[in-house]
């Protein structure tokens, strides 16, 4: 190989690495926006109680269609992403979310607001099956890249309450929808300009071989367990995320302002970001399935603690719970990537997020029902039972995956 050829190869490698970093940067920003926009309403609803004179239980139920769409439409998004252009779908994500948010900002009634929230759920559903598959495809260090991407999503969740509260205080609840709507559309335009489309035939050329092959029987068993994990994880995640501002409002202290509620909620969510950074490093040293089971134990313990805590101790309990919830999300995606080929990874993630976010509609209804009957003590108590189901499934996955990994190790040759 001549020096000129080597130089050309190095230049091409550097250019490819730069393109990957740029694409991953936009995907990280998209993950933050995705979780931010879907959680605007749970904070805005506190202001709408005053504006419309309706109860929290009645108004929070308005978000049910949005969260159902967030899960339901991940299925077609994942299927289209595997067969067409994932990059073009991300453009639809940015622009569609922005248009839906602007529609919510100018909604003349609660009925129109509910429709705008549903539309937001449809476009927000694109990110997880499509964006996660793109991250796995473009990453050179999966653990750290996926962990940082998870941190970005966590920051979106963390900042949603605080920024929404500030925007509501400054511009009313309509401004809380309008400002991020404009940002989403502007980002879509820049993304279209800077990130080139995939090459023709790229979708057909994706690998059809997983990192670790499973027997059909074992694959079916693990798939069934991941269905349980997706449903229970989705219910725990969405119940805590949606109700967190109101939990802080009621159980931390009396008479705190909406700004204080948003700030404390943000601080709790940020603990998840710290956990994901830590998990991204730990997964390079500990088998993912072992780490997954450990985080399941911590998640269950945190929800039980939160159910009985109040005041300042509640903030510590919620922070502990949030760290475990977000830590397991990162490891969950890595385990799925390990046993799934890139050619259909988008569809597998679509099923996972379909179940996780479809159950979020149940979570909103569950909050409304249980809160009306027993307050957040009952809400968190039922959530702890769901977290126990997650714990059992995670332990079984760890046992099965551990057997697979041991079988892949070189067997010692007996001495003659």
Foldseek 3Di string as FASTA:
>chain_A
DDPVVVVVVVVVVVVLLVLLVVLLVLLLLLLLLLLLLLQLQLLLLVVVCVVVVDDSLVRLLLLLLLLLLLQQLLQVLLVCVLVHWLLVLVLQLLLQLLVLLLQLLPPPDSVSNSVSSNSNSNSSSNNFLSSLLSQVVSDPQQLQSLLSSLLSNLLSLLQNQQVSLVLCVVPNNSSSSNVSSVVSNVSSVVSPVPRDIDDPCPSVPFDQDFLAEDDPVLVVVLLVLLLLLLQLLLLLVLLCSSCQLVCCQPFADDPDDSNVSSNLSSVLSNLLSVLSNVLSVVVVVDPLLVVLLVLLVQLLVLLVQCLPDGHPSNSVSSSSNNNSSSSNVSSVSVVLRRHGTSSSSSNSSSSSSSSSSSSSSVSSNLCSVQCVPPRVSRSSVVSSVSSVSSNVSSVVSSVSVVVSVVVPDDDDDDDD
